[in-house]
Amino acid sequence: MDRVHVIRHKVLIEGQSVRRVARELGLSRVTVKKYLSVAEPRRRASKPRARPVSERIGPVIEEILESWAGRTTAKQRVTAPRVRREVLERGHAVGITTVKTYLAERRRKATEVYVPLVYREGELAEVDFFEIVVEVLGERKKAWKFLMRLMASGKDFAWVYERCDQVSFLDGHVKAFAHLGGVPKRIAYDNLTAAVKRRVGAVRELSGRFLALVSHYVFEPCFARPGEGHDKGGVEARGRGIRLQHLVPVPRGESLEAISLWLTGELEKQAERHTGREPSVSERFEKEKARLSPLPAGSFEARKTQVVEVSSRALVRVEGAEYSVPEEWARRTILGLVGPTTVTLVFQKDEVSHPKQRPGGRRVLYEHYLGELSRKPQALRQVAPELTRELGEPFERLWERLSCEHGELEAARLFGGVLREVRERGREAVQRAVGVALASDRLDLLALGASPRDSGVSAVVVPQVLAEIQVESGSAASYDRLLGSGWLQ
């Protein structure tokens, strides 16, 4: 249109000739005359060109593709040269360009058209897991990022887990709802096994634990079509965005929880930022929060509950890994609570927690075996470094001292007496006694400095006159001096 205006202005206003304007602008005089007669050019409708070869070869190509259906993969896919070769083998002459054009048009017609959606406040959230890499205590490892995104406001909640399993999936929901302060009416998912037990057509049978979560928080689960991740494209795109915006370089931390808290803080900072004149994510979320369903009175127990048997070695097997329990629980049936990072074992009112191990792993705390080790010096010397490391100082120094002076076997017998005291009087009281004994260099008086046991005798009130009198206690050295002086001869 700018060129049309220039042509008309030069000829009609400035009075230049058609020949001069055509030569100056590099156009033909016919084109210049056309623009002088019509202010706004119109495209002349023309009939589509005849494609006799494509019309003749099209049914052949369709027959070939139908016969190949189910016999291709993502890497061993249909290509235009392969289709043309098959067409030639069937006795039809065709060029590669014709085949390429036909296949391109066929793909264009089959391509899905995406509908622009409207997201209402409090109505929809989307959830997914994303594989990431983190560095925990100097070790680089694979982890999984749980992400829930409110589609109306764009509010995100992310947490990092070691596994992409059902326990982590459920725990992510509990943490997300608590962080958001409410529950959206609908949540969209992939057809992941943590949520869907079985799918028959459009009907999905939910897994028991996920159904319990849905019933507890009262929301409607929605699922994308199989293989169509763009059905929940909001969380898909945001998951990639968080990975590039916040997880580069690879984040470092003392634990996955520390990295998760850091990531949550980063997302909160980003939510406060303004982009142009649009309200920030935090401002939009304040409006959407009022439309979320309220949280139920109690929190959902995301941990998986199972009954386990304690072996004769006071070990239990949970999800392929072994964990120790107090020796008194041996050969009993107890309750196991499996969380995303910890395994809690419960018997009556007592419970023991362990960091979750991978299948085939084992975690043994030898302080669970103090009674048995106090009676078995050979077993004690075998695990003494691990046990004293658990008990901490000054037990480690005591074991080294006893081993140096008496040898490991005799040291184990002596250390067994200390373990009996730990069971009877508690670790803290014996720690103080051992510390005093080591400081006074009297390893035969380990009870020095320990808290006196309750004898049941009430305190005696001493008169002030007698209280000021100090009586020295006798010692073997005093008797040696008496014998040397001849007093007892």
Protein backbone atom coordinates (compact mmCIF):
# COMPACT_ATOMS: atom_id res chain seq x y z
CA MET A 1 0.00 0.00 0.00
CA ASP A 2 2.88 2.41 0.66
CA ARG A 3 4.14 1.89 -2.92
CA VAL A 4 0.64 2.49 -4.32
CA HIS A 5 0.45 5.79 -2.43
CA VAL A 6 3.87 6.85 -3.75
CA ILE A 7 2.91 6.05 -7.36
CA ARG A 8 -0.41 7.88 -7.18
CA HIS A 9 1.18 10.90 -5.46
CA LYS A 10 4.02 11.21 -8.00
CA VAL A 11 1.70 11.01 -11.03
CA LEU A 12 -1.52 12.65 -9.82
CA ILE A 13 -0.11 15.30 -7.45
CA GLU A 14 3.44 15.97 -8.66
CA GLY A 15 2.55 15.55 -12.32
CA GLN A 16 5.34 13.12 -13.24
CA SER A 17 4.93 10.88 -16.29
CA VAL A 18 4.06 7.21 -16.07
CA ARG A 19 7.27 6.33 -17.92
CA ARG A 20 9.46 8.29 -15.47
CA VAL A 21 7.77 6.81 -12.37
CA ALA A 22 8.01 3.26 -13.73
CA ARG A 23 11.72 3.72 -14.51
CA GLU A 24 12.39 5.29 -11.08
CA LEU A 25 10.62 2.57 -9.07
CA GLY A 26 11.68 -0.35 -11.28
CA LEU A 27 8.12 -1.25 -12.29
CA SER A 28 6.41 -1.78 -15.60
CA ARG A 29 4.21 0.95 -17.03
CA VAL A 30 1.27 -1.48 -16.98
CA THR A 31 1.63 -1.84 -13.22
CA VAL A 32 1.84 1.92 -12.72
CA LYS A 33 -1.29 2.47 -14.84
CA LYS A 34 -3.14 -0.23 -12.88
CA TYR A 35 -2.40 1.50 -9.57
CA LEU A 36 -3.51 4.82 -11.03
CA SER A 37 -6.90 3.40 -11.94
CA VAL A 38 -7.51 1.47 -8.67
CA ALA A 39 -6.73 3.08 -5.29
CA GLU A 40 -6.72 -0.26 -3.44
CA PRO A 41 -5.52 -3.28 -5.41
CA ARG A 42 -7.71 -6.33 -5.29
CA ARG A 43 -6.54 -9.86 -5.79
CA ARG A 44 -8.25 -11.50 -8.71
CA ALA A 45 -9.75 -14.83 -7.80
CA SER A 46 -8.52 -17.62 -10.01
CA LYS A 47 -9.47 -21.23 -10.39
CA PRO A 48 -7.18 -23.75 -8.66
CA ARG A 49 -4.65 -25.28 -10.97
CA ALA A 50 -5.33 -28.76 -12.19
CA ARG A 51 -3.11 -31.46 -10.65
CA PRO A 52 -3.64 -34.50 -12.84
CA VAL A 53 -0.59 -36.39 -11.56
CA SER A 54 -1.45 -35.85 -7.89
CA GLU A 55 -5.06 -36.88 -8.50
CA ARG A 56 -3.87 -40.03 -10.23
CA ILE A 57 -1.13 -40.92 -7.71
CA GLY A 58 -3.02 -39.88 -4.56
CA PRO A 59 -5.07 -43.10 -4.21
CA VAL A 60 -1.92 -45.17 -4.78
CA ILE A 61 -0.07 -43.34 -2.00
CA GLU A 62 -3.04 -43.72 0.35
CA GLU A 63 -3.13 -47.45 -0.36
CA ILE A 64 0.60 -47.72 0.40
CA LEU A 65 0.32 -45.79 3.68
CA GLU A 66 -2.67 -47.89 4.75
CA SER A 67 -0.76 -51.11 4.12
CA TRP A 68 2.17 -49.76 6.18
CA ALA A 69 0.00 -48.73 9.14
CA GLY A 70 1.39 -50.11 12.40
CA ARG A 71 4.68 -51.09 10.76
CA THR A 72 6.62 -47.87 11.43
CA THR A 73 8.32 -46.29 14.44
CA ALA A 74 9.47 -42.79 15.36
CA LYS A 75 12.89 -43.47 13.84
CA GLN A 76 11.82 -45.89 11.10
CA ARG A 77 9.23 -43.47 9.76
CA VAL A 78 7.62 -42.85 6.37
CA THR A 79 9.65 -40.60 4.03
CA ALA A 80 8.86 -39.21 0.60
CA PRO A 81 11.75 -41.03 -1.19
CA ARG A 82 10.60 -44.37 0.26
CA VAL A 83 7.00 -43.75 -0.79
CA ARG A 84 8.10 -42.70 -4.31
CA ARG A 85 10.17 -45.85 -4.66
CA GLU A 86 7.15 -47.96 -3.73
CA VAL A 87 4.97 -46.06 -6.22
CA LEU A 88 7.55 -46.67 -8.98
CA GLU A 89 7.71 -50.37 -8.11
CA ARG A 90 3.95 -50.53 -8.60
CA GLY A 91 4.34 -49.20 -12.14
CA HIS A 92 3.40 -45.52 -11.73
CA ALA A 93 5.68 -42.73 -12.94
CA VAL A 94 5.92 -39.83 -10.48
CA GLY A 95 8.49 -37.25 -9.43
CA ILE A 96 9.81 -36.75 -5.91
CA THR A 97 8.42 -33.19 -5.73
CA THR A 98 4.88 -34.43 -6.38
CA VAL A 99 5.17 -37.03 -3.61
CA LYS A 100 6.62 -34.49 -1.17
CA THR A 101 3.85 -31.99 -1.93
CA TYR A 102 1.15 -34.65 -1.48
CA LEU A 103 2.55 -35.88 1.86
CA ALA A 104 2.99 -32.32 3.16
CA GLU A 105 -0.62 -31.46 2.33
CA ARG A 106 -1.77 -34.72 3.89
CA ARG A 107 0.08 -33.87 7.13
CA ARG A 108 -1.32 -30.33 7.13
CA LYS A 109 -4.90 -31.59 6.95
CA ALA A 110 -4.26 -34.13 9.72
CA THR A 111 -2.60 -31.61 12.05
CA GLU A 112 -4.65 -30.69 15.09
CA VAL A 113 -6.00 -27.16 15.46
CA TYR A 114 -5.57 -25.79 18.98
CA VAL A 115 -8.42 -23.92 20.62
CA PRO A 116 -7.55 -20.79 22.64
CA LEU A 117 -8.98 -21.40 26.12
CA VAL A 118 -10.31 -19.13 28.86
CA TYR A 119 -9.18 -19.83 32.44
CA ARG A 120 -11.50 -18.70 35.22
CA GLU A 121 -10.23 -17.98 38.72
CA GLY A 122 -10.08 -20.98 41.03
CA GLU A 123 -11.25 -23.37 38.33
CA LEU A 124 -8.24 -25.24 36.93
CA ALA A 125 -4.74 -26.28 37.93
CA GLU A 126 -2.30 -28.50 36.05
CA VAL A 127 0.20 -30.95 37.56
CA ASP A 128 3.22 -32.78 36.20
CA PHE A 129 6.64 -34.19 37.11
CA PHE A 130 9.87 -33.04 35.39
CA GLU A 131 13.27 -34.73 35.45
CA ILE A 132 16.07 -32.44 36.65
CA VAL A 133 19.66 -32.70 37.89
CA VAL A 134 20.77 -31.36 41.29
CA GLU A 135 23.93 -31.48 43.39
CA VAL A 136 23.52 -32.71 46.98
CA LEU A 137 26.59 -32.56 49.25
CA GLY A 138 28.88 -32.43 46.22
CA GLU A 139 27.25 -35.40 44.45
CA ARG A 140 25.37 -34.78 41.21
CA LYS A 141 22.20 -36.85 40.98
CA LYS A 142 18.93 -37.10 39.08
CA ALA A 143 15.81 -35.82 40.82
CA TRP A 144 12.17 -35.06 40.00
CA LYS A 145 10.44 -31.71 40.20
CA PHE A 146 6.74 -31.76 41.14
CA LEU A 147 4.94 -28.73 39.72
CA MET A 148 1.38 -27.49 40.28
CA ARG A 149 0.30 -24.39 38.33
CA LEU A 150 -2.91 -22.37 38.78
CA MET A 151 -3.87 -21.51 35.22
CA ALA A 152 -5.83 -18.29 35.87
CA SER A 153 -3.20 -16.43 37.89
CA GLY A 154 -0.08 -18.37 36.85
CA LYS A 155 0.83 -19.13 40.48
CA ASP A 156 3.34 -22.01 40.73
CA PHE A 157 4.34 -24.44 43.46
CA ALA A 158 7.36 -26.70 42.96
CA TRP A 159 9.08 -29.29 45.17
CA VAL A 160 12.01 -31.59 44.43
CA TYR A 161 11.84 -35.33 45.13
CA GLU A 162 14.27 -38.18 44.76
CA ARG A 163 11.69 -40.45 43.14
CA CYS A 164 8.78 -40.01 40.77
CA ASP A 165 6.51 -42.41 42.69
CA GLN A 166 3.02 -42.29 44.14
CA VAL A 167 4.13 -41.23 47.62
CA SER A 168 5.99 -38.22 46.18
CA PHE A 169 3.01 -37.48 43.92
CA LEU A 170 0.59 -37.41 46.86
CA ASP A 171 2.98 -35.53 49.13
CA GLY A 172 3.41 -32.87 46.43
CA HIS A 173 -0.35 -32.26 46.42
CA VAL A 174 -0.47 -31.93 50.22
CA LYS A 175 2.39 -29.41 50.21
CA ALA A 176 0.95 -27.51 47.23
CA PHE A 177 -2.52 -27.12 48.75
CA ALA A 178 -1.04 -25.97 52.05
CA HIS A 179 1.18 -23.45 50.23
CA LEU A 180 -1.66 -22.10 48.08
CA GLY A 181 -4.11 -22.01 50.98
CA GLY A 182 -6.91 -23.70 49.02
CA VAL A 183 -7.91 -26.28 46.43
CA PRO A 184 -8.85 -25.64 42.77
CA LYS A 185 -12.05 -27.17 41.48
CA ARG A 186 -10.33 -29.21 38.74
CA ILE A 187 -6.77 -30.50 38.23
CA ALA A 188 -5.44 -31.82 34.92
CA TYR A 189 -2.94 -34.72 34.72
CA ASP A 190 -1.24 -37.09 32.34
CA ASN A 191 -2.32 -40.71 32.53
CA LEU A 192 0.39 -41.49 35.08
CA THR A 193 0.23 -44.76 37.04
CA ALA A 194 0.31 -42.91 40.38
CA ALA A 195 -3.22 -41.69 39.61
CA VAL A 196 -4.70 -44.07 37.00
CA LYS A 197 -4.91 -47.76 37.79
CA ARG A 198 -6.48 -48.77 34.50
CA ARG A 199 -7.84 -47.02 31.40
CA VAL A 200 -10.57 -48.40 29.15
CA GLY A 201 -11.25 -45.95 26.36
CA ALA A 202 -12.21 -42.64 27.92
CA VAL A 203 -13.02 -44.26 31.28
CA ARG A 204 -10.25 -44.26 33.90
CA GLU A 205 -10.15 -46.30 37.08
CA LEU A 206 -8.29 -44.30 39.73
CA SER A 207 -5.77 -45.90 42.08
CA GLY A 208 -6.94 -46.32 45.67
CA ARG A 209 -4.53 -43.86 47.26
CA PHE A 210 -5.17 -41.15 44.65
CA LEU A 211 -8.93 -41.63 45.00
CA ALA A 212 -8.52 -41.11 48.76
CA LEU A 213 -6.66 -37.84 48.06
CA VAL A 214 -9.41 -36.68 45.68
CA SER A 215 -12.09 -37.51 48.24
CA HIS A 216 -10.20 -35.76 51.05
CA TYR A 217 -9.70 -32.46 49.20
CA VAL A 218 -12.85 -32.74 47.02
CA PHE A 219 -11.65 -31.76 43.54
CA GLU A 220 -12.29 -33.14 40.07
CA PRO A 221 -9.36 -34.96 38.40
CA CYS A 222 -9.12 -34.49 34.63
CA PHE A 223 -6.77 -36.39 32.32
CA ALA A 224 -5.13 -35.55 29.03
CA ARG A 225 -5.55 -37.74 25.98
CA PRO A 226 -2.85 -40.43 25.76
CA GLY A 227 0.24 -39.06 24.05
CA GLU A 228 -1.20 -35.53 23.89
CA GLY A 229 0.80 -33.65 26.51
CA HIS A 230 -0.24 -30.30 25.00
CA ASP A 231 -3.70 -30.87 26.51
CA LYS A 232 -2.10 -29.38 29.62
CA GLY A 233 0.39 -27.18 27.81
CA GLY A 234 0.47 -24.56 30.56
CA VAL A 235 2.31 -26.70 33.09
CA GLU A 236 4.42 -28.32 30.34
CA ALA A 237 5.75 -24.96 29.18
CA ARG A 238 6.17 -23.63 32.72
CA GLY A 239 8.09 -26.74 33.77
CA ARG A 240 10.62 -26.18 31.00
CA GLY A 241 10.75 -22.49 31.83
CA ILE A 242 11.56 -23.09 35.51
CA ARG A 243 14.27 -25.54 34.51
CA LEU A 244 15.96 -22.93 32.29
CA GLN A 245 15.32 -19.84 34.43
CA HIS A 246 16.06 -21.17 37.92
CA LEU A 247 17.89 -24.50 37.64
CA VAL A 248 20.81 -23.26 35.52
CA PRO A 249 23.50 -23.72 36.72
CA VAL A 250 22.73 -26.99 38.50
CA PRO A 251 21.49 -26.03 41.99
CA ARG A 252 23.49 -27.13 45.03
CA GLY A 253 22.31 -27.87 48.55
CA GLU A 254 22.74 -30.00 51.64
CA SER A 255 19.53 -31.90 50.88
CA LEU A 256 16.65 -32.03 48.43
CA GLU A 257 14.51 -30.24 50.99
CA ALA A 258 16.99 -27.36 51.14
CA ILE A 259 16.97 -27.11 47.33
CA SER A 260 13.15 -27.22 47.32
CA LEU A 261 12.91 -24.37 49.84
CA TRP A 262 15.37 -22.33 47.79
CA LEU A 263 13.37 -22.97 44.60
CA THR A 264 10.12 -22.00 46.34
CA GLY A 265 11.70 -18.71 47.37
CA GLU A 266 12.89 -18.05 43.82
CA LEU A 267 9.39 -18.63 42.43
CA GLU A 268 7.91 -16.29 45.04
CA LYS A 269 10.36 -13.55 44.05
CA GLN A 270 9.50 -14.01 40.39
CA ALA A 271 5.77 -13.86 41.20
CA GLU A 272 6.26 -10.38 42.72
CA ARG A 273 7.76 -8.90 39.53
CA HIS A 274 5.73 -6.73 37.18
CA THR A 275 5.92 -7.15 33.40
CA GLY A 276 4.81 -3.93 31.76
CA ARG A 277 1.49 -2.63 32.99
CA GLU A 278 0.07 -6.07 33.70
CA PRO A 279 -0.52 -7.01 37.37
CA SER A 280 2.04 -9.35 38.89
CA VAL A 281 1.37 -13.06 39.45
CA SER A 282 1.07 -12.42 43.20
CA GLU A 283 -1.58 -9.74 42.63
CA ARG A 284 -3.55 -12.04 40.32
CA PHE A 285 -3.21 -14.87 42.81
CA GLU A 286 -4.68 -12.77 45.65
CA LYS A 287 -7.86 -12.47 43.60
CA GLU A 288 -7.87 -16.15 42.60
CA LYS A 289 -7.21 -17.36 46.15
CA ALA A 290 -10.66 -16.16 47.20
CA ARG A 291 -12.18 -18.53 44.60
CA LEU A 292 -10.30 -21.64 45.75
CA SER A 293 -12.14 -24.25 47.81
CA PRO A 294 -11.17 -24.15 51.52
CA LEU A 295 -8.76 -26.72 52.92
CA PRO A 296 -10.28 -29.57 54.97
CA ALA A 297 -9.82 -29.59 58.73
CA GLY A 298 -7.12 -32.28 58.75
CA SER A 299 -4.18 -32.85 56.43
CA PHE A 300 -4.07 -35.90 54.18
CA GLU A 301 -1.64 -38.65 55.17
CA ALA A 302 0.46 -38.97 52.05
CA ARG A 303 2.70 -41.67 53.51
CA LYS A 304 1.96 -45.24 52.46
CA THR A 305 0.92 -47.48 55.34
CA GLN A 306 1.86 -51.15 55.48
CA VAL A 307 2.17 -53.89 58.08
CA VAL A 308 5.64 -55.42 58.32
CA GLU A 309 7.23 -58.27 60.23
CA VAL A 310 10.37 -57.79 62.34
CA SER A 311 12.95 -60.53 61.85
CA SER A 312 15.02 -62.25 64.53
CA ARG A 313 17.81 -59.77 63.74
CA ALA A 314 15.49 -56.82 64.55
CA LEU A 315 15.35 -55.87 60.86
CA VAL A 316 12.32 -55.06 58.73
CA ARG A 317 12.08 -55.04 54.94
CA VAL A 318 10.18 -52.15 53.39
CA GLU A 319 10.01 -51.75 49.60
CA GLY A 320 13.09 -53.89 49.07
CA ALA A 321 15.30 -52.16 51.68
CA GLU A 322 16.12 -53.22 55.26
CA TYR A 323 15.93 -51.04 58.37
CA SER A 324 16.83 -51.75 62.00
CA VAL A 325 14.45 -51.37 64.94
CA PRO A 326 15.00 -51.69 68.72
CA GLU A 327 15.94 -55.22 69.72
CA GLU A 328 12.83 -55.47 71.90
CA TRP A 329 10.70 -55.40 68.72
CA ALA A 330 12.25 -58.59 67.29
CA ARG A 331 9.73 -61.15 65.96
CA ARG A 332 6.82 -58.72 66.28
CA THR A 333 4.39 -57.24 63.77
CA ILE A 334 4.69 -53.46 63.47
CA LEU A 335 3.40 -50.62 61.29
CA GLY A 336 5.49 -48.98 58.54
CA LEU A 337 4.81 -45.48 57.19
CA VAL A 338 6.65 -44.87 53.90
CA GLY A 339 7.14 -41.21 53.03
CA PRO A 340 8.99 -39.60 50.10
CA THR A 341 12.23 -39.23 52.09
CA THR A 342 11.78 -41.18 55.34
CA VAL A 343 10.49 -44.53 56.56
CA THR A 344 8.85 -44.43 60.01
CA LEU A 345 8.37 -47.68 61.93
CA VAL A 346 5.81 -47.71 64.72
CA PHE A 347 5.18 -50.19 67.57
CA GLN A 348 2.57 -49.23 70.13
CA LYS A 349 3.53 -45.67 71.21
CA ASP A 350 7.17 -45.83 70.08
CA GLU A 351 8.47 -45.03 66.62
CA VAL A 352 11.78 -45.05 64.76
CA SER A 353 12.54 -43.05 61.58
CA HIS A 354 15.15 -43.80 58.91
CA PRO A 355 16.15 -41.98 55.72
CA LYS A 356 14.55 -43.83 52.83
CA GLN A 357 16.91 -46.28 51.12
CA ARG A 358 16.88 -47.57 47.57
CA PRO A 359 15.77 -51.18 46.95
CA GLY A 360 18.54 -53.51 48.06
CA GLY A 361 19.91 -50.98 50.55
CA ARG A 362 20.20 -51.33 54.31
CA ARG A 363 20.36 -48.91 57.23
CA VAL A 364 21.30 -50.30 60.64
CA LEU A 365 21.62 -48.26 63.85
CA TYR A 366 23.65 -50.29 66.33
CA GLU A 367 22.28 -48.30 69.25
CA HIS A 368 19.16 -50.42 68.69
CA TYR A 369 21.21 -53.45 69.88
CA LEU A 370 22.77 -52.15 73.13
CA GLY A 371 21.41 -55.02 75.23
CA GLU A 372 22.75 -57.73 72.95
CA LEU A 373 26.08 -55.99 72.38
CA SER A 374 26.65 -55.53 76.13
CA ARG A 375 26.54 -59.35 76.47
CA LYS A 376 28.49 -60.20 73.30
CA PRO A 377 32.02 -58.75 73.32
CA GLN A 378 33.01 -60.43 70.04
CA ALA A 379 30.05 -58.86 68.27
CA LEU A 380 30.73 -55.54 69.98
CA ARG A 381 34.35 -55.35 68.79
CA GLN A 382 33.08 -56.10 65.26
CA VAL A 383 30.78 -53.05 65.16
CA ALA A 384 32.51 -50.77 67.70
CA PRO A 385 33.51 -48.03 65.18
CA GLU A 386 29.94 -47.76 63.86
CA LEU A 387 28.39 -47.87 67.35
CA THR A 388 30.69 -45.25 68.89
CA ARG A 389 30.17 -43.01 65.86
CA GLU A 390 26.42 -43.16 66.55
CA LEU A 391 26.86 -42.54 70.28
CA GLY A 392 29.29 -39.68 69.63
CA GLU A 393 31.78 -38.19 72.05
CA PRO A 394 33.15 -39.06 74.55
CA PHE A 395 32.35 -42.70 73.74
CA GLU A 396 34.66 -42.68 70.70
CA ARG A 397 37.61 -41.51 72.82
CA LEU A 398 36.74 -44.04 75.51
CA TRP A 399 36.79 -46.93 73.02
CA GLU A 400 40.14 -45.82 71.58
CA ARG A 401 41.60 -45.51 75.07
CA LEU A 402 40.35 -48.91 76.22
CA SER A 403 41.52 -50.58 73.00
CA CYS A 404 45.02 -49.13 73.34
CA GLU A 405 45.42 -50.13 76.99
CA HIS A 406 43.63 -53.52 77.08
CA GLY A 407 43.25 -54.78 73.50
CA GLU A 408 39.99 -54.94 71.56
CA LEU A 409 38.52 -58.07 73.20
CA GLU A 410 39.04 -56.90 76.78
CA ALA A 411 38.00 -53.39 75.76
CA ALA A 412 34.76 -54.84 74.40
CA ARG A 413 34.08 -56.51 77.76
CA LEU A 414 34.68 -53.26 79.62
CA PHE A 415 32.69 -51.24 77.09
CA GLY A 416 29.78 -53.67 77.51
CA GLY A 417 29.40 -52.43 81.07
CA VAL A 418 29.14 -48.88 79.78
CA LEU A 419 26.40 -49.95 77.33
CA ARG A 420 24.45 -51.52 80.19
CA GLU A 421 24.60 -48.20 82.03
CA VAL A 422 23.40 -46.40 78.89
CA ARG A 423 20.35 -48.67 78.73
CA GLU A 424 19.54 -48.23 82.42
CA ARG A 425 20.35 -44.56 83.01
CA GLY A 426 20.20 -42.96 79.57
CA ARG A 427 22.88 -41.70 77.22
CA GLU A 428 23.22 -38.18 78.62
CA ALA A 429 23.91 -39.28 82.20
CA VAL A 430 26.55 -41.79 81.09
CA GLN A 431 28.09 -39.24 78.72
CA ARG A 432 28.73 -36.94 81.67
CA ALA A 433 30.19 -39.79 83.74
CA VAL A 434 32.49 -40.93 80.93
CA GLY A 435 33.63 -37.36 80.35
CA VAL A 436 34.56 -36.97 84.03
CA ALA A 437 36.33 -40.35 84.05
CA LEU A 438 38.42 -39.49 80.99
CA ALA A 439 39.26 -36.07 82.37
CA SER A 440 40.42 -37.55 85.72
CA ASP A 441 42.33 -40.36 83.98
CA ARG A 442 40.49 -42.99 86.09
CA LEU A 443 38.92 -45.46 83.68
CA ASP A 444 37.95 -47.75 86.58
CA LEU A 445 35.64 -45.08 87.99
CA LEU A 446 33.27 -44.53 85.08
CA ALA A 447 30.42 -43.59 87.39
CA LEU A 448 32.23 -40.42 88.51
CA GLY A 449 30.14 -37.34 87.86
CA ALA A 450 27.02 -39.35 87.07
CA SER A 451 23.69 -38.25 88.39
CA PRO A 452 22.92 -40.08 91.67
CA ARG A 453 20.21 -42.67 91.40
CA ASP A 454 16.99 -42.11 93.25
CA SER A 455 17.28 -44.18 96.44
CA GLY A 456 13.86 -43.26 97.73
CA VAL A 457 15.35 -41.66 100.94
CA SER A 458 14.16 -38.14 101.65
CA ALA A 459 16.69 -35.35 102.11
CA VAL A 460 18.12 -34.89 105.65
CA VAL A 461 18.12 -31.43 107.20
CA VAL A 462 21.56 -30.75 108.75
CA PRO A 463 21.96 -28.09 111.47
CA GLN A 464 23.99 -25.04 110.45
CA VAL A 465 26.74 -25.77 112.99
CA LEU A 466 27.34 -29.26 111.63
CA ALA A 467 26.99 -28.15 108.04
CA GLU A 468 30.11 -26.01 108.36
CA ILE A 469 32.27 -28.97 109.47
CA GLN A 470 34.18 -30.65 106.62
CA VAL A 471 35.19 -34.31 107.02
CA GLU A 472 37.85 -35.59 104.70
CA SER A 473 37.29 -39.01 103.16
CA GLY A 474 39.88 -41.72 103.57
CA SER A 475 42.05 -43.00 100.73
CA ALA A 476 44.59 -45.77 100.18
CA ALA A 477 47.36 -43.17 100.06
CA SER A 478 46.48 -42.05 103.60
CA TYR A 479 46.86 -45.60 104.91
CA ASP A 480 50.22 -45.89 103.13
CA ARG A 481 51.45 -42.79 104.97
CA LEU A 482 50.24 -44.16 108.31
CA LEU A 483 52.03 -47.47 107.74
CA GLY A 484 55.22 -45.68 106.74
CA SER A 485 55.21 -43.51 109.87
CA GLY A 486 54.93 -46.50 112.26
CA TRP A 487 51.64 -45.40 113.82
CA LEU A 488 50.06 -48.82 113.32
CA GLN A 489 53.04 -50.91 114.53
